[in-house]
Amino acid sequence: MSTPISGPFDVKLVPQEDKDDPSGIARLLLDKAFHGELEATSRGQMLGVRTADNRSGGYVALEKVSGSLQGRSGTFYLQHYGLATRGVNTLTLQVVPDSGTGELEGLGGVMKIVIKEGGKHFYEFEFGFDTGMHQAGAP
């Protein structure tokens, strides 16, 4: 069974320059604050490329989310996969399996990022909990 939620988030991207790297792949640090039923902060790293006209590109990223999800507290990791095709973005994140801690143990799900006019970021998160997970200390 899955639960859909959505809300806004704030994101800061901090470029990490490496003048000796000829690959053209950018590395950025992520710093986010999620609001709504997901009240959390996250830190992570992103690798990305853009085409010369800035209309297409791709990125991958990992981030650690710390906070509460509908009142349940803990941490979990998200893995990103994003593509821009001539200005149309597809930005999908998935909870890394078995990465939930605390009350978020057993968390799984998929999050989409929606960027609206003016650059405001929103998440759409469909998640659930694997009730078959062993509790800490259980055989």
N, C-alpha and C. Protein backbone atom coordinates (compact mmCIF):
# COMPACT_ATOMS: atom_id res chain seq x y z
N MET A 1 0.85 -1.18 0.00
CA MET A 1 0.00 0.00 0.00
C MET A 1 0.90 1.24 0.00
N SER A 2 0.58 2.22 -0.84
CA SER A 2 1.40 3.43 -0.90
C SER A 2 0.57 4.66 -0.56
N THR A 3 1.28 5.66 -0.08
CA THR A 3 0.68 6.91 0.33
C THR A 3 1.29 8.03 -0.50
N PRO A 4 0.47 8.84 -1.21
CA PRO A 4 1.03 9.98 -1.94
C PRO A 4 0.96 11.25 -1.10
N ILE A 5 2.06 12.01 -1.08
CA ILE A 5 2.07 13.33 -0.45
C ILE A 5 2.80 14.28 -1.38
N SER A 6 2.64 15.57 -1.14
CA SER A 6 3.36 16.56 -1.93
C SER A 6 3.57 17.81 -1.10
N GLY A 7 4.54 18.60 -1.51
CA GLY A 7 4.82 19.84 -0.81
C GLY A 7 5.98 20.57 -1.44
N PRO A 8 6.26 21.76 -0.94
CA PRO A 8 7.38 22.54 -1.48
C PRO A 8 8.70 22.16 -0.81
N PHE A 9 9.78 22.50 -1.49
CA PHE A 9 11.09 22.40 -0.85
C PHE A 9 12.00 23.49 -1.39
N ASP A 10 12.97 23.84 -0.56
CA ASP A 10 13.98 24.83 -0.93
C ASP A 10 15.26 24.08 -1.22
N VAL A 11 16.00 24.51 -2.23
CA VAL A 11 17.25 23.84 -2.57
C VAL A 11 18.33 24.87 -2.86
N LYS A 12 19.53 24.58 -2.35
CA LYS A 12 20.73 25.36 -2.67
C LYS A 12 21.69 24.40 -3.36
N LEU A 13 22.20 24.81 -4.50
CA LEU A 13 23.20 24.04 -5.24
C LEU A 13 24.52 24.79 -5.16
N VAL A 14 25.56 24.12 -4.68
CA VAL A 14 26.87 24.75 -4.52
C VAL A 14 27.85 24.06 -5.47
N PRO A 15 28.25 24.74 -6.58
CA PRO A 15 29.19 24.13 -7.52
C PRO A 15 30.54 23.84 -6.87
N GLN A 16 31.12 22.71 -7.24
CA GLN A 16 32.44 22.31 -6.77
C GLN A 16 33.35 22.25 -8.00
N GLU A 17 34.14 23.28 -8.19
CA GLU A 17 34.96 23.37 -9.39
C GLU A 17 36.22 22.53 -9.30
N ASP A 18 36.55 21.87 -10.40
CA ASP A 18 37.81 21.15 -10.54
C ASP A 18 38.38 21.55 -11.89
N LYS A 19 39.26 22.54 -11.89
CA LYS A 19 39.80 23.10 -13.13
C LYS A 19 40.65 22.10 -13.91
N ASP A 20 41.08 21.01 -13.25
CA ASP A 20 41.90 20.00 -13.91
C ASP A 20 41.06 18.89 -14.55
N ASP A 21 39.74 18.94 -14.42
CA ASP A 21 38.87 17.90 -14.97
C ASP A 21 38.35 18.32 -16.35
N PRO A 22 38.80 17.63 -17.42
CA PRO A 22 38.37 18.00 -18.77
C PRO A 22 37.04 17.37 -19.20
N SER A 23 36.36 16.63 -18.31
CA SER A 23 35.17 15.86 -18.70
C SER A 23 33.96 16.72 -19.05
N GLY A 24 33.87 17.92 -18.49
CA GLY A 24 32.67 18.73 -18.69
C GLY A 24 31.53 18.35 -17.76
N ILE A 25 31.79 17.42 -16.83
CA ILE A 25 30.77 16.99 -15.87
C ILE A 25 30.88 17.89 -14.64
N ALA A 26 29.76 18.52 -14.29
CA ALA A 26 29.73 19.41 -13.12
C ALA A 26 29.44 18.59 -11.87
N ARG A 27 30.05 18.98 -10.75
CA ARG A 27 29.76 18.38 -9.45
C ARG A 27 29.23 19.48 -8.56
N LEU A 28 28.10 19.20 -7.89
CA LEU A 28 27.47 20.19 -7.03
C LEU A 28 27.09 19.55 -5.70
N LEU A 29 27.14 20.34 -4.64
CA LEU A 29 26.63 19.91 -3.34
C LEU A 29 25.17 20.34 -3.24
N LEU A 30 24.33 19.47 -2.68
CA LEU A 30 22.91 19.75 -2.48
C LEU A 30 22.66 20.09 -1.02
N ASP A 31 21.80 21.06 -0.78
CA ASP A 31 21.38 21.45 0.56
C ASP A 31 19.89 21.78 0.44
N LYS A 32 19.03 20.92 1.03
CA LYS A 32 17.58 21.08 0.86
C LYS A 32 16.86 21.18 2.19
N ALA A 33 15.68 21.80 2.13
CA ALA A 33 14.73 21.81 3.24
C ALA A 33 13.35 21.48 2.67
N PHE A 34 12.78 20.35 3.10
CA PHE A 34 11.46 19.91 2.66
C PHE A 34 10.41 20.43 3.65
N HIS A 35 9.22 20.75 3.14
CA HIS A 35 8.14 21.29 3.97
C HIS A 35 6.85 20.51 3.69
N GLY A 36 5.97 20.50 4.68
CA GLY A 36 4.71 19.79 4.54
C GLY A 36 4.75 18.50 5.34
N GLU A 37 4.18 17.44 4.78
CA GLU A 37 4.16 16.17 5.50
C GLU A 37 5.54 15.52 5.58
N LEU A 38 6.45 15.99 4.76
CA LEU A 38 7.87 15.65 4.88
C LEU A 38 8.56 16.90 5.38
N GLU A 39 8.88 16.93 6.68
CA GLU A 39 9.60 18.05 7.30
C GLU A 39 11.01 17.56 7.54
N ALA A 40 11.92 17.93 6.65
CA ALA A 40 13.26 17.36 6.72
C ALA A 40 14.27 18.26 6.03
N THR A 41 15.53 17.98 6.31
CA THR A 41 16.63 18.59 5.58
C THR A 41 17.40 17.47 4.89
N SER A 42 18.17 17.83 3.89
CA SER A 42 19.00 16.82 3.24
C SER A 42 20.29 17.46 2.76
N ARG A 43 21.28 16.60 2.64
CA ARG A 43 22.57 16.97 2.08
C ARG A 43 22.96 15.90 1.08
N GLY A 44 23.56 16.30 -0.03
CA GLY A 44 23.94 15.31 -1.02
C GLY A 44 24.89 15.87 -2.05
N GLN A 45 25.16 15.03 -3.06
CA GLN A 45 26.05 15.41 -4.15
C GLN A 45 25.43 15.03 -5.49
N MET A 46 25.67 15.88 -6.48
CA MET A 46 25.11 15.70 -7.82
C MET A 46 26.22 15.78 -8.86
N LEU A 47 26.08 14.96 -9.90
CA LEU A 47 26.92 15.06 -11.09
C LEU A 47 25.99 15.35 -12.26
N GLY A 48 26.35 16.29 -13.12
CA GLY A 48 25.47 16.62 -14.23
C GLY A 48 26.18 17.22 -15.42
N VAL A 49 25.51 17.15 -16.55
CA VAL A 49 25.99 17.76 -17.79
C VAL A 49 24.82 18.47 -18.46
N ARG A 50 25.17 19.50 -19.25
CA ARG A 50 24.18 20.23 -20.05
C ARG A 50 24.72 20.38 -21.46
N THR A 51 23.82 20.46 -22.41
CA THR A 51 24.23 20.73 -23.79
C THR A 51 24.58 22.20 -23.94
N ALA A 52 25.23 22.54 -25.04
CA ALA A 52 25.68 23.92 -25.26
C ALA A 52 24.52 24.92 -25.21
N ASP A 53 23.33 24.53 -25.66
CA ASP A 53 22.20 25.46 -25.65
C ASP A 53 21.42 25.45 -24.33
N ASN A 54 21.87 24.66 -23.35
CA ASN A 54 21.26 24.58 -22.01
C ASN A 54 19.83 24.02 -22.03
N ARG A 55 19.39 23.40 -23.10
CA ARG A 55 18.02 22.88 -23.17
C ARG A 55 17.95 21.40 -22.83
N SER A 56 19.05 20.67 -22.95
CA SER A 56 19.07 19.24 -22.65
C SER A 56 20.23 18.93 -21.72
N GLY A 57 20.13 17.81 -21.03
CA GLY A 57 21.19 17.40 -20.13
C GLY A 57 20.75 16.24 -19.27
N GLY A 58 21.61 15.86 -18.35
CA GLY A 58 21.30 14.77 -17.46
C GLY A 58 22.05 14.92 -16.15
N TYR A 59 21.50 14.26 -15.10
CA TYR A 59 22.19 14.29 -13.82
C TYR A 59 21.87 13.03 -13.03
N VAL A 60 22.76 12.71 -12.11
CA VAL A 60 22.55 11.68 -11.10
C VAL A 60 22.95 12.30 -9.77
N ALA A 61 22.37 11.83 -8.68
CA ALA A 61 22.70 12.37 -7.37
C ALA A 61 22.30 11.38 -6.29
N LEU A 62 22.90 11.56 -5.13
CA LEU A 62 22.52 10.86 -3.90
C LEU A 62 22.39 11.89 -2.81
N GLU A 63 21.39 11.71 -1.94
CA GLU A 63 21.24 12.61 -0.81
C GLU A 63 20.71 11.86 0.40
N LYS A 64 21.13 12.33 1.58
CA LYS A 64 20.65 11.77 2.84
C LYS A 64 19.61 12.73 3.41
N VAL A 65 18.41 12.21 3.66
CA VAL A 65 17.29 13.00 4.18
C VAL A 65 17.15 12.69 5.67
N SER A 66 17.06 13.75 6.49
CA SER A 66 16.92 13.61 7.94
C SER A 66 15.74 14.44 8.40
N GLY A 67 14.79 13.82 9.12
CA GLY A 67 13.66 14.57 9.62
C GLY A 67 12.48 13.68 9.91
N SER A 68 11.28 14.18 9.59
CA SER A 68 10.07 13.40 9.87
C SER A 68 9.18 13.32 8.63
N LEU A 69 8.56 12.18 8.50
CA LEU A 69 7.62 11.89 7.41
C LEU A 69 6.31 11.51 8.06
N GLN A 70 5.33 12.38 7.95
CA GLN A 70 4.03 12.20 8.60
C GLN A 70 4.21 11.85 10.08
N GLY A 71 5.13 12.56 10.75
CA GLY A 71 5.34 12.39 12.18
C GLY A 71 6.28 11.27 12.57
N ARG A 72 6.75 10.49 11.61
CA ARG A 72 7.71 9.41 11.90
C ARG A 72 9.11 9.94 11.62
N SER A 73 10.00 9.84 12.60
CA SER A 73 11.32 10.44 12.42
C SER A 73 12.39 9.41 12.11
N GLY A 74 13.41 9.89 11.40
CA GLY A 74 14.54 9.05 11.03
C GLY A 74 15.26 9.63 9.84
N THR A 75 16.03 8.78 9.17
CA THR A 75 16.76 9.19 7.98
C THR A 75 16.55 8.17 6.87
N PHE A 76 16.83 8.58 5.64
CA PHE A 76 16.84 7.67 4.49
C PHE A 76 17.61 8.34 3.37
N TYR A 77 18.01 7.53 2.39
CA TYR A 77 18.75 8.04 1.23
C TYR A 77 17.86 8.03 0.00
N LEU A 78 18.05 9.04 -0.85
CA LEU A 78 17.38 9.12 -2.15
C LEU A 78 18.43 9.05 -3.25
N GLN A 79 18.13 8.29 -4.29
CA GLN A 79 18.97 8.24 -5.48
C GLN A 79 18.21 8.93 -6.61
N HIS A 80 18.87 9.86 -7.30
CA HIS A 80 18.25 10.67 -8.35
C HIS A 80 18.64 10.18 -9.73
N TYR A 81 17.71 10.39 -10.66
CA TYR A 81 17.96 10.21 -12.08
C TYR A 81 17.17 11.30 -12.79
N GLY A 82 17.87 12.16 -13.51
CA GLY A 82 17.17 13.25 -14.17
C GLY A 82 17.65 13.48 -15.58
N LEU A 83 16.69 13.78 -16.45
CA LEU A 83 16.99 14.13 -17.84
C LEU A 83 16.19 15.37 -18.22
N ALA A 84 16.82 16.21 -19.01
CA ALA A 84 16.12 17.32 -19.65
C ALA A 84 16.26 17.10 -21.15
N THR A 85 15.12 17.08 -21.82
CA THR A 85 15.11 16.89 -23.27
C THR A 85 14.49 18.13 -23.91
N ARG A 86 15.34 18.96 -24.49
CA ARG A 86 14.90 20.19 -25.13
C ARG A 86 13.92 20.99 -24.25
N GLY A 87 14.30 21.15 -22.98
CA GLY A 87 13.53 21.98 -22.06
C GLY A 87 12.47 21.25 -21.24
N VAL A 88 12.24 19.97 -21.49
CA VAL A 88 11.25 19.21 -20.72
C VAL A 88 11.99 18.30 -19.74
N ASN A 89 11.74 18.53 -18.44
CA ASN A 89 12.45 17.79 -17.39
C ASN A 89 11.71 16.53 -16.96
N THR A 90 12.47 15.47 -16.70
CA THR A 90 11.98 14.27 -16.03
C THR A 90 12.94 14.03 -14.88
N LEU A 91 12.46 14.27 -13.66
CA LEU A 91 13.32 14.21 -12.48
C LEU A 91 12.71 13.21 -11.49
N THR A 92 13.31 12.04 -11.38
CA THR A 92 12.77 10.98 -10.54
C THR A 92 13.80 10.57 -9.50
N LEU A 93 13.34 10.37 -8.28
CA LEU A 93 14.18 9.95 -7.17
C LEU A 93 13.56 8.69 -6.58
N GLN A 94 14.40 7.80 -6.10
CA GLN A 94 13.91 6.57 -5.47
C GLN A 94 14.59 6.40 -4.13
N VAL A 95 13.82 5.95 -3.14
CA VAL A 95 14.40 5.64 -1.84
C VAL A 95 15.34 4.45 -2.01
N VAL A 96 16.57 4.59 -1.53
CA VAL A 96 17.52 3.49 -1.58
C VAL A 96 16.99 2.38 -0.66
N PRO A 97 16.82 1.16 -1.19
CA PRO A 97 16.25 0.07 -0.36
C PRO A 97 17.04 -0.14 0.93
N ASP A 98 16.30 -0.37 2.01
CA ASP A 98 16.85 -0.68 3.34
C ASP A 98 17.67 0.46 3.94
N SER A 99 17.49 1.70 3.43
CA SER A 99 18.27 2.82 3.96
C SER A 99 17.55 3.57 5.09
N GLY A 100 16.28 3.27 5.33
CA GLY A 100 15.54 3.97 6.38
C GLY A 100 16.02 3.60 7.77
N THR A 101 16.10 4.62 8.65
CA THR A 101 16.50 4.38 10.03
C THR A 101 15.41 4.90 10.96
N GLY A 102 15.50 4.50 12.23
CA GLY A 102 14.54 4.96 13.23
C GLY A 102 13.14 4.53 12.85
N GLU A 103 12.19 5.45 12.96
CA GLU A 103 10.79 5.15 12.63
C GLU A 103 10.56 5.06 11.12
N LEU A 104 11.59 5.33 10.32
CA LEU A 104 11.48 5.23 8.86
C LEU A 104 12.09 3.93 8.33
N GLU A 105 12.39 2.99 9.22
CA GLU A 105 12.89 1.69 8.79
C GLU A 105 11.83 1.02 7.91
N GLY A 106 12.26 0.43 6.81
CA GLY A 106 11.35 -0.24 5.88
C GLY A 106 10.74 0.68 4.84
N LEU A 107 11.13 1.97 4.85
CA LEU A 107 10.58 2.94 3.90
C LEU A 107 11.02 2.60 2.47
N GLY A 108 10.09 2.72 1.56
CA GLY A 108 10.38 2.60 0.14
C GLY A 108 9.49 3.58 -0.60
N GLY A 109 9.90 3.97 -1.81
CA GLY A 109 9.05 4.86 -2.56
C GLY A 109 9.78 5.61 -3.65
N VAL A 110 8.99 6.38 -4.39
CA VAL A 110 9.48 7.16 -5.51
C VAL A 110 9.04 8.61 -5.33
N MET A 111 9.97 9.52 -5.56
CA MET A 111 9.68 10.95 -5.47
C MET A 111 9.92 11.59 -6.83
N LYS A 112 9.04 12.48 -7.20
CA LYS A 112 9.24 13.28 -8.41
C LYS A 112 9.45 14.72 -7.98
N ILE A 113 10.30 15.41 -8.73
CA ILE A 113 10.52 16.83 -8.51
C ILE A 113 9.81 17.59 -9.62
N VAL A 114 9.03 18.58 -9.22
CA VAL A 114 8.32 19.43 -10.16
C VAL A 114 8.82 20.85 -9.96
N ILE A 115 9.30 21.47 -11.04
CA ILE A 115 9.77 22.86 -10.98
C ILE A 115 8.74 23.70 -11.72
N LYS A 116 8.11 24.60 -10.98
CA LYS A 116 7.05 25.43 -11.57
C LYS A 116 7.62 26.76 -12.03
N GLU A 117 6.78 27.52 -12.73
CA GLU A 117 7.20 28.83 -13.21
C GLU A 117 7.77 29.65 -12.07
N GLY A 118 8.83 30.36 -12.35
CA GLY A 118 9.50 31.13 -11.32
C GLY A 118 10.55 30.34 -10.58
N GLY A 119 10.67 29.04 -10.90
CA GLY A 119 11.71 28.21 -10.30
C GLY A 119 11.36 27.58 -8.97
N LYS A 120 10.12 27.71 -8.49
CA LYS A 120 9.73 27.10 -7.22
C LYS A 120 9.71 25.58 -7.35
N HIS A 121 10.34 24.89 -6.38
CA HIS A 121 10.45 23.43 -6.41
C HIS A 121 9.41 22.77 -5.51
N PHE A 122 8.84 21.67 -6.01
CA PHE A 122 7.88 20.87 -5.26
C PHE A 122 8.25 19.40 -5.39
N TYR A 123 7.90 18.62 -4.37
CA TYR A 123 8.08 17.16 -4.43
C TYR A 123 6.72 16.49 -4.47
N GLU A 124 6.66 15.36 -5.14
CA GLU A 124 5.51 14.46 -5.12
C GLU A 124 6.08 13.10 -4.72
N PHE A 125 5.71 12.61 -3.54
CA PHE A 125 6.34 11.44 -2.95
C PHE A 125 5.29 10.37 -2.71
N GLU A 126 5.46 9.24 -3.35
CA GLU A 126 4.58 8.09 -3.13
C GLU A 126 5.42 7.04 -2.41
N PHE A 127 5.00 6.69 -1.20
CA PHE A 127 5.84 5.84 -0.36
C PHE A 127 5.01 4.81 0.40
N GLY A 128 5.70 3.86 0.97
CA GLY A 128 5.09 2.86 1.83
C GLY A 128 6.17 2.25 2.71
N PHE A 129 5.75 1.35 3.58
CA PHE A 129 6.67 0.68 4.48
C PHE A 129 6.57 -0.81 4.30
N ASP A 130 7.72 -1.47 4.23
CA ASP A 130 7.79 -2.92 4.12
C ASP A 130 7.60 -3.48 5.52
N THR A 131 6.43 -4.02 5.79
CA THR A 131 6.15 -4.52 7.13
C THR A 131 6.86 -5.83 7.42
N GLY A 132 7.50 -6.43 6.41
CA GLY A 132 8.26 -7.65 6.61
C GLY A 132 9.67 -7.40 7.09
N MET A 133 10.06 -6.12 7.23
CA MET A 133 11.42 -5.80 7.69
C MET A 133 11.60 -6.29 9.12
N HIS A 134 12.79 -6.80 9.43
CA HIS A 134 13.12 -7.18 10.80
C HIS A 134 13.34 -5.93 11.63
N GLN A 135 12.79 -5.90 12.81
CA GLN A 135 13.06 -4.80 13.72
C GLN A 135 14.44 -4.96 14.32
N ALA A 136 15.05 -3.87 14.72
CA ALA A 136 16.39 -3.92 15.32
C ALA A 136 16.37 -4.88 16.50
N GLY A 137 17.34 -5.80 16.50
CA GLY A 137 17.46 -6.76 17.59
C GLY A 137 16.61 -8.02 17.41
N ALA A 138 15.72 -8.01 16.42
CA ALA A 138 14.87 -9.21 16.18
C ALA A 138 15.61 -10.19 15.28
N PRO A 139 15.33 -11.48 15.46
CA PRO A 139 16.02 -12.48 14.59
C PRO A 139 15.57 -12.42 13.16
